[in-house]
Amino acid sequence: MAQRKIYHVTKTDEGWQGKLEGGQRASVKGDTKEEVVKKTIELAKNQEDSSVRIHKLDGEIQEERTYPRKSDPFPPEG
């Protein structure tokens, strides 16, 4: 199984960015959090095993989305 690719959506001085964990440069940049989240999710969905960690303004993780859904290591019950 390939190692999971993790993208982080974070606030920067210039706006918002979606960046692969450990990457040097942002994969996605934009003025609004909404547009960057959408584009970063599109990137993640094209990967075999990935997740997107969406951060709040203070840097705390707001939520995490895993793609494909069946590869979520902690699926909720029910």
PDB file of N, CA and C in Angstrom:
ATOM      1  N   MET A   1       0.842  -1.181   0.000  1.00  0.00           N
ATOM      2  CA  MET A   1       0.000   0.000   0.000  1.00  0.00           C
ATOM      3  C   MET A   1       0.884   1.241   0.000  1.00  0.00           C
ATOM      4  N   ALA A   2       0.550   2.189  -0.834  1.00  0.00           N
ATOM      5  CA  ALA A   2       1.316   3.434  -0.925  1.00  0.00           C
ATOM      6  C   ALA A   2       1.096   4.274   0.327  1.00  0.00           C
ATOM      7  N   GLN A   3       2.085   5.065   0.656  1.00  0.00           N
ATOM      8  CA  GLN A   3       1.961   5.943   1.812  1.00  0.00           C
ATOM      9  C   GLN A   3       0.965   7.057   1.500  1.00  0.00           C
ATOM     10  N   ARG A   4       0.156   7.378   2.486  1.00  0.00           N
ATOM     11  CA  ARG A   4      -0.874   8.412   2.317  1.00  0.00           C
ATOM     12  C   ARG A   4      -0.235   9.776   2.067  1.00  0.00           C
ATOM     13  N   LYS A   5      -0.739  10.498   1.065  1.00  0.00           N
ATOM     14  CA  LYS A   5      -0.306  11.866   0.798  1.00  0.00           C
ATOM     15  C   LYS A   5      -1.229  12.787   1.584  1.00  0.00           C
ATOM     16  N   ILE A   6      -0.640  13.673   2.368  1.00  0.00           N
ATOM     17  CA  ILE A   6      -1.423  14.562   3.217  1.00  0.00           C
ATOM     18  C   ILE A   6      -1.224  15.999   2.754  1.00  0.00           C
ATOM     19  N   TYR A   7      -2.336  16.649   2.440  1.00  0.00           N
ATOM     20  CA  TYR A   7      -2.332  18.052   2.053  1.00  0.00           C
ATOM     21  C   TYR A   7      -2.857  18.884   3.221  1.00  0.00           C
ATOM     22  N   HIS A   8      -2.252  20.040   3.434  1.00  0.00           N
ATOM     23  CA  HIS A   8      -2.689  20.957   4.480  1.00  0.00           C
ATOM     24  C   HIS A   8      -3.185  22.246   3.839  1.00  0.00           C
ATOM     25  N   VAL A   9      -4.376  22.686   4.242  1.00  0.00           N
ATOM     26  CA  VAL A   9      -4.916  23.970   3.805  1.00  0.00           C
ATOM     27  C   VAL A   9      -4.714  24.937   4.970  1.00  0.00           C
ATOM     28  N   THR A  10      -3.884  25.974   4.739  1.00  0.00           N
ATOM     29  CA  THR A  10      -3.528  26.909   5.801  1.00  0.00           C
ATOM     30  C   THR A  10      -3.586  28.355   5.308  1.00  0.00           C
ATOM     31  N   LYS A  11      -3.686  29.272   6.267  1.00  0.00           N
ATOM     32  CA  LYS A  11      -3.697  30.708   5.994  1.00  0.00           C
ATOM     33  C   LYS A  11      -2.265  31.195   5.857  1.00  0.00           C
ATOM     34  N   THR A  12      -2.030  32.069   4.889  1.00  0.00           N
ATOM     35  CA  THR A  12      -0.721  32.699   4.716  1.00  0.00           C
ATOM     36  C   THR A  12      -0.920  34.211   4.695  1.00  0.00           C
ATOM     37  N   ASP A  13       0.163  34.947   4.619  1.00  0.00           N
ATOM     38  CA  ASP A  13       0.073  36.408   4.531  1.00  0.00           C
ATOM     39  C   ASP A  13      -0.613  36.855   3.241  1.00  0.00           C
ATOM     40  N   GLU A  14      -0.513  36.044   2.185  1.00  0.00           N
ATOM     41  CA  GLU A  14      -1.081  36.398   0.881  1.00  0.00           C
ATOM     42  C   GLU A  14      -2.481  35.837   0.647  1.00  0.00           C
ATOM     43  N   GLY A  15      -2.979  34.996   1.541  1.00  0.00           N
ATOM     44  CA  GLY A  15      -4.286  34.366   1.355  1.00  0.00           C
ATOM     45  C   GLY A  15      -4.296  32.986   1.971  1.00  0.00           C
ATOM     46  N   TRP A  16      -4.680  31.988   1.178  1.00  0.00           N
ATOM     47  CA  TRP A  16      -4.739  30.593   1.627  1.00  0.00           C
ATOM     48  C   TRP A  16      -3.924  29.726   0.677  1.00  0.00           C
ATOM     49  N   GLN A  17      -3.438  28.591   1.205  1.00  0.00           N
ATOM     50  CA  GLN A  17      -2.680  27.667   0.369  1.00  0.00           C
ATOM     51  C   GLN A  17      -3.017  26.227   0.720  1.00  0.00           C
ATOM     52  N   GLY A  18      -2.902  25.365  -0.281  1.00  0.00           N
ATOM     53  CA  GLY A  18      -2.992  23.924  -0.109  1.00  0.00           C
ATOM     54  C   GLY A  18      -1.626  23.364  -0.450  1.00  0.00           C
ATOM     55  N   LYS A  19      -1.008  22.681   0.507  1.00  0.00           N
ATOM     56  CA  LYS A  19       0.375  22.249   0.332  1.00  0.00           C
ATOM     57  C   LYS A  19       0.542  20.808   0.776  1.00  0.00           C
ATOM     58  N   LEU A  20       1.263  20.032  -0.018  1.00  0.00           N
ATOM     59  CA  LEU A  20       1.574  18.654   0.325  1.00  0.00           C
ATOM     60  C   LEU A  20       2.512  18.647   1.520  1.00  0.00           C
ATOM     61  N   GLU A  21       2.219  17.818   2.501  1.00  0.00           N
ATOM     62  CA  GLU A  21       3.048  17.742   3.699  1.00  0.00           C
ATOM     63  C   GLU A  21       4.501  17.432   3.316  1.00  0.00           C
ATOM     64  N   GLY A  22       5.415  18.258   3.791  1.00  0.00           N
ATOM     65  CA  GLY A  22       6.825  18.097   3.472  1.00  0.00           C
ATOM     66  C   GLY A  22       7.231  18.772   2.173  1.00  0.00           C
ATOM     67  N   GLY A  23       6.274  19.341   1.460  1.00  0.00           N
ATOM     68  CA  GLY A  23       6.551  19.999   0.188  1.00  0.00           C
ATOM     69  C   GLY A  23       7.208  21.356   0.369  1.00  0.00           C
ATOM     70  N   GLN A  24       7.912  21.801  -0.648  1.00  0.00           N
ATOM     71  CA  GLN A  24       8.585  23.090  -0.622  1.00  0.00           C
ATOM     72  C   GLN A  24       7.662  24.240  -1.000  1.00  0.00           C
ATOM     73  N   ARG A  25       6.770  23.975  -1.954  1.00  0.00           N
ATOM     74  CA  ARG A  25       5.892  25.030  -2.467  1.00  0.00           C
ATOM     75  C   ARG A  25       4.432  24.598  -2.368  1.00  0.00           C
ATOM     76  N   ALA A  26       3.555  25.577  -2.348  1.00  0.00           N
ATOM     77  CA  ALA A  26       2.118  25.297  -2.318  1.00  0.00           C
ATOM     78  C   ALA A  26       1.669  24.692  -3.645  1.00  0.00           C
ATOM     79  N   SER A  27       0.802  23.719  -3.574  1.00  0.00           N
ATOM     80  CA  SER A  27       0.205  23.133  -4.778  1.00  0.00           C
ATOM     81  C   SER A  27      -0.935  23.999  -5.274  1.00  0.00           C
ATOM     82  N   VAL A  28      -1.619  24.671  -4.342  1.00  0.00           N
ATOM     83  CA  VAL A  28      -2.770  25.512  -4.659  1.00  0.00           C
ATOM     84  C   VAL A  28      -2.662  26.793  -3.838  1.00  0.00           C
ATOM     85  N   LYS A  29      -2.962  27.924  -4.465  1.00  0.00           N
ATOM     86  CA  LYS A  29      -3.015  29.204  -3.763  1.00  0.00           C
ATOM     87  C   LYS A  29      -4.301  29.914  -4.151  1.00  0.00           C
ATOM     88  N   GLY A  30      -4.834  30.729  -3.236  1.00  0.00           N
ATOM     89  CA  GLY A  30      -6.035  31.475  -3.549  1.00  0.00           C
ATOM     90  C   GLY A  30      -6.341  32.510  -2.495  1.00  0.00           C
ATOM     91  N   ASP A  31      -7.309  33.347  -2.806  1.00  0.00           N
ATOM     92  CA  ASP A  31      -7.702  34.424  -1.895  1.00  0.00           C
ATOM     93  C   ASP A  31      -8.646  33.950  -0.803  1.00  0.00           C
ATOM     94  N   THR A  32      -9.459  32.925  -1.106  1.00  0.00           N
ATOM     95  CA  THR A  32     -10.428  32.469  -0.110  1.00  0.00           C
ATOM     96  C   THR A  32     -10.157  31.021   0.294  1.00  0.00           C
ATOM     97  N   LYS A  33     -10.508  30.729   1.524  1.00  0.00           N
ATOM     98  CA  LYS A  33     -10.351  29.372   2.053  1.00  0.00           C
ATOM     99  C   LYS A  33     -11.203  28.396   1.244  1.00  0.00           C
ATOM    100  N   GLU A  34     -12.420  28.800   0.923  1.00  0.00           N
ATOM    101  CA  GLU A  34     -13.345  27.942   0.192  1.00  0.00           C
ATOM    102  C   GLU A  34     -12.773  27.476  -1.148  1.00  0.00           C
ATOM    103  N   GLU A  35     -12.211  28.404  -1.930  1.00  0.00           N
ATOM    104  CA  GLU A  35     -11.677  28.020  -3.242  1.00  0.00           C
ATOM    105  C   GLU A  35     -10.448  27.120  -3.109  1.00  0.00           C
ATOM    106  N   VAL A  36      -9.604  27.377  -2.120  1.00  0.00           N
ATOM    107  CA  VAL A  36      -8.406  26.557  -1.933  1.00  0.00           C
ATOM    108  C   VAL A  36      -8.785  25.160  -1.439  1.00  0.00           C
ATOM    109  N   VAL A  37      -9.748  25.066  -0.531  1.00  0.00           N
ATOM    110  CA  VAL A  37     -10.214  23.753  -0.065  1.00  0.00           C
ATOM    111  C   VAL A  37     -10.750  22.951  -1.247  1.00  0.00           C
ATOM    112  N   LYS A  38     -11.557  23.566  -2.075  1.00  0.00           N
ATOM    113  CA  LYS A  38     -12.148  22.874  -3.229  1.00  0.00           C
ATOM    114  C   LYS A  38     -11.072  22.346  -4.182  1.00  0.00           C
ATOM    115  N   LYS A  39     -10.106  23.184  -4.529  1.00  0.00           N
ATOM    116  CA  LYS A  39      -9.044  22.776  -5.455  1.00  0.00           C
ATOM    117  C   LYS A  39      -8.118  21.728  -4.840  1.00  0.00           C
ATOM    118  N   THR A  40      -7.849  21.851  -3.552  1.00  0.00           N
ATOM    119  CA  THR A  40      -6.977  20.881  -2.873  1.00  0.00           C
ATOM    120  C   THR A  40      -7.668  19.525  -2.792  1.00  0.00           C
ATOM    121  N   ILE A  41      -8.960  19.514  -2.548  1.00  0.00           N
ATOM    122  CA  ILE A  41      -9.716  18.255  -2.530  1.00  0.00           C
ATOM    123  C   ILE A  41      -9.689  17.602  -3.907  1.00  0.00           C
ATOM    124  N   GLU A  42      -9.817  18.389  -4.964  1.00  0.00           N
ATOM    125  CA  GLU A  42      -9.733  17.841  -6.326  1.00  0.00           C
ATOM    126  C   GLU A  42      -8.384  17.165  -6.538  1.00  0.00           C
ATOM    127  N   LEU A  43      -7.305  17.806  -6.084  1.00  0.00           N
ATOM    128  CA  LEU A  43      -5.967  17.207  -6.180  1.00  0.00           C
ATOM    129  C   LEU A  43      -5.910  15.889  -5.418  1.00  0.00           C
ATOM    130  N   ALA A  44      -6.414  15.908  -4.187  1.00  0.00           N
ATOM    131  CA  ALA A  44      -6.356  14.726  -3.329  1.00  0.00           C
ATOM    132  C   ALA A  44      -7.143  13.562  -3.922  1.00  0.00           C
ATOM    133  N   LYS A  45      -8.275  13.849  -4.517  1.00  0.00           N
ATOM    134  CA  LYS A  45      -9.103  12.790  -5.101  1.00  0.00           C
ATOM    135  C   LYS A  45      -8.409  12.096  -6.264  1.00  0.00           C
ATOM    136  N   ASN A  46      -7.453  12.761  -6.900  1.00  0.00           N
ATOM    137  CA  ASN A  46      -6.715  12.165  -8.012  1.00  0.00           C
ATOM    138  C   ASN A  46      -5.560  11.292  -7.543  1.00  0.00           C
ATOM    139  N   GLN A  47      -5.319  11.238  -6.250  1.00  0.00           N
ATOM    140  CA  GLN A  47      -4.260  10.412  -5.690  1.00  0.00           C
ATOM    141  C   GLN A  47      -4.850   9.060  -5.259  1.00  0.00           C
ATOM    142  N   GLU A  48      -4.001   8.070  -5.142  1.00  0.00           N
ATOM    143  CA  GLU A  48      -4.457   6.738  -4.753  1.00  0.00           C
ATOM    144  C   GLU A  48      -4.931   6.708  -3.306  1.00  0.00           C
ATOM    145  N   ASP A  49      -4.209   7.372  -2.425  1.00  0.00           N
ATOM    146  CA  ASP A  49      -4.504   7.346  -0.993  1.00  0.00           C
ATOM    147  C   ASP A  49      -4.064   8.688  -0.416  1.00  0.00           C
ATOM    148  N   SER A  50      -5.016   9.534  -0.030  1.00  0.00           N
ATOM    149  CA  SER A  50      -4.656  10.877   0.410  1.00  0.00           C
ATOM    150  C   SER A  50      -5.646  11.424   1.419  1.00  0.00           C
ATOM    151  N   SER A  51      -5.258  12.519   2.050  1.00  0.00           N
ATOM    152  CA  SER A  51      -6.175  13.227   2.928  1.00  0.00           C
ATOM    153  C   SER A  51      -5.879  14.718   2.872  1.00  0.00           C
ATOM    154  N   VAL A  52      -6.900  15.501   3.245  1.00  0.00           N
ATOM    155  CA  VAL A  52      -6.785  16.951   3.288  1.00  0.00           C
ATOM    156  C   VAL A  52      -7.082  17.385   4.715  1.00  0.00           C
ATOM    157  N   ARG A  53      -6.127  18.063   5.322  1.00  0.00           N
ATOM    158  CA  ARG A  53      -6.315  18.608   6.666  1.00  0.00           C
ATOM    159  C   ARG A  53      -6.564  20.105   6.526  1.00  0.00           C
ATOM    160  N   ILE A  54      -7.756  20.513   6.910  1.00  0.00           N
ATOM    161  CA  ILE A  54      -8.170  21.902   6.784  1.00  0.00           C
ATOM    162  C   ILE A  54      -7.962  22.584   8.130  1.00  0.00           C
ATOM    163  N   HIS A  55      -7.154  23.648   8.114  1.00  0.00           N
ATOM    164  CA  HIS A  55      -6.800  24.351   9.341  1.00  0.00           C
ATOM    165  C   HIS A  55      -7.626  25.624   9.520  1.00  0.00           C
ATOM    166  N   LYS A  56      -7.812  26.009  10.779  1.00  0.00           N
ATOM    167  CA  LYS A  56      -8.462  27.284  11.103  1.00  0.00           C
ATOM    168  C   LYS A  56      -7.417  28.388  11.000  1.00  0.00           C
ATOM    169  N   LEU A  57      -7.849  29.628  11.192  1.00  0.00           N
ATOM    170  CA  LEU A  57      -6.938  30.778  11.151  1.00  0.00           C
ATOM    171  C   LEU A  57      -5.801  30.644  12.160  1.00  0.00           C
ATOM    172  N   ASP A  58      -6.089  30.059  13.336  1.00  0.00           N
ATOM    173  CA  ASP A  58      -5.065  29.931  14.377  1.00  0.00           C
ATOM    174  C   ASP A  58      -4.127  28.743  14.149  1.00  0.00           C
ATOM    175  N   GLY A  59      -4.330  27.991  13.068  1.00  0.00           N
ATOM    176  CA  GLY A  59      -3.464  26.857  12.743  1.00  0.00           C
ATOM    177  C   GLY A  59      -3.969  25.512  13.237  1.00  0.00           C
ATOM    178  N   GLU A  60      -4.959  25.518  14.121  1.00  0.00           N
ATOM    179  CA  GLU A  60      -5.527  24.275  14.637  1.00  0.00           C
ATOM    180  C   GLU A  60      -6.281  23.560  13.522  1.00  0.00           C
ATOM    181  N   ILE A  61      -6.246  22.218  13.530  1.00  0.00           N
ATOM    182  CA  ILE A  61      -6.954  21.457  12.498  1.00  0.00           C
ATOM    183  C   ILE A  61      -8.451  21.544  12.749  1.00  0.00           C
ATOM    184  N   GLN A  62      -9.175  21.989  11.732  1.00  0.00           N
ATOM    185  CA  GLN A  62     -10.628  22.119  11.796  1.00  0.00           C
ATOM    186  C   GLN A  62     -11.284  20.792  11.452  1.00  0.00           C
ATOM    187  N   GLU A  63     -10.804  20.165  10.361  1.00  0.00           N
ATOM    188  CA  GLU A  63     -11.330  18.871   9.945  1.00  0.00           C
ATOM    189  C   GLU A  63     -10.344  18.191   9.009  1.00  0.00           C
ATOM    190  N   GLU A  64     -10.534  16.879   8.853  1.00  0.00           N
ATOM    191  CA  GLU A  64      -9.697  16.111   7.927  1.00  0.00           C
ATOM    192  C   GLU A  64     -10.614  15.267   7.054  1.00  0.00           C
ATOM    193  N   ARG A  65     -10.316  15.259   5.766  1.00  0.00           N
ATOM    194  CA  ARG A  65     -11.088  14.468   4.805  1.00  0.00           C
ATOM    195  C   ARG A  65     -10.148  13.482   4.126  1.00  0.00           C
ATOM    196  N   THR A  66     -10.573  12.219   4.030  1.00  0.00           N
ATOM    197  CA  THR A  66      -9.741  11.156   3.472  1.00  0.00           C
ATOM    198  C   THR A  66     -10.331  10.673   2.152  1.00  0.00           C
ATOM    199  N   TYR A  67      -9.440  10.428   1.180  1.00  0.00           N
ATOM    200  CA  TYR A  67      -9.853   9.964  -0.154  1.00  0.00           C
ATOM    201  C   TYR A  67      -8.993   8.785  -0.574  1.00  0.00           C
ATOM    202  N   PRO A  68      -9.525   7.720  -1.176  1.00  0.00           N
ATOM    203  CA  PRO A  68     -10.952   7.459  -1.209  1.00  0.00           C
ATOM    204  C   PRO A  68     -11.465   7.201   0.204  1.00  0.00           C
ATOM    205  N   ARG A  69     -12.726   7.397   0.406  1.00  0.00           N
ATOM    206  CA  ARG A  69     -13.331   7.315   1.737  1.00  0.00           C
ATOM    207  C   ARG A  69     -13.040   5.979   2.421  1.00  0.00           C
ATOM    208  N   LYS A  70     -13.014   4.902   1.659  1.00  0.00           N
ATOM    209  CA  LYS A  70     -12.811   3.565   2.234  1.00  0.00           C
ATOM    210  C   LYS A  70     -11.418   3.400   2.841  1.00  0.00           C
ATOM    211  N   SER A  71     -10.476   4.295   2.527  1.00  0.00           N
ATOM    212  CA  SER A  71      -9.122   4.169   3.079  1.00  0.00           C
ATOM    213  C   SER A  71      -8.946   4.934   4.388  1.00  0.00           C
ATOM    214  N   ASP A  72     -10.040   5.512   4.926  1.00  0.00           N
ATOM    215  CA  ASP A  72      -9.980   6.242   6.191  1.00  0.00           C
ATOM    216  C   ASP A  72      -9.548   5.283   7.297  1.00  0.00           C
ATOM    217  N   PRO A  73      -8.438   5.590   8.001  1.00  0.00           N
ATOM    218  CA  PRO A  73      -7.957   4.683   9.039  1.00  0.00           C
ATOM    219  C   PRO A  73      -8.857   4.666  10.279  1.00  0.00           C
ATOM    220  N   PHE A  74      -9.702   5.661  10.443  1.00  0.00           N
ATOM    221  CA  PHE A  74     -10.572   5.735  11.610  1.00  0.00           C
ATOM    222  C   PHE A  74     -12.023   6.019  11.180  1.00  0.00           C
ATOM    223  N   PRO A  75     -12.637   5.086  10.443  1.00  0.00           N
ATOM    224  CA  PRO A  75     -14.007   5.365   9.993  1.00  0.00           C
ATOM    225  C   PRO A  75     -14.963   5.397  11.187  1.00  0.00           C
ATOM    226  N   PRO A  76     -15.943   6.290  11.137  1.00  0.00           N
ATOM    227  CA  PRO A  76     -16.921   6.335  12.217  1.00  0.00           C
ATOM    228  C   PRO A  76     -17.829   5.126  12.188  1.00  0.00           C
ATOM    229  N   GLU A  77     -18.340   4.764  13.351  1.00  0.00           N
ATOM    230  CA  GLU A  77     -19.274   3.633  13.415  1.00  0.00           C
ATOM    231  C   GLU A  77     -20.641   4.095  12.939  1.00  0.00           C
ATOM    232  N   GLY A  78     -21.377   3.160  12.348  1.00  0.00           N
ATOM    233  CA  GLY A  78     -22.754   3.458  11.978  1.00  0.00           C
ATOM    234  C   GLY A  78     -22.988   3.679  10.546  1.00  0.00           C
TER     235      GLY A  78
END
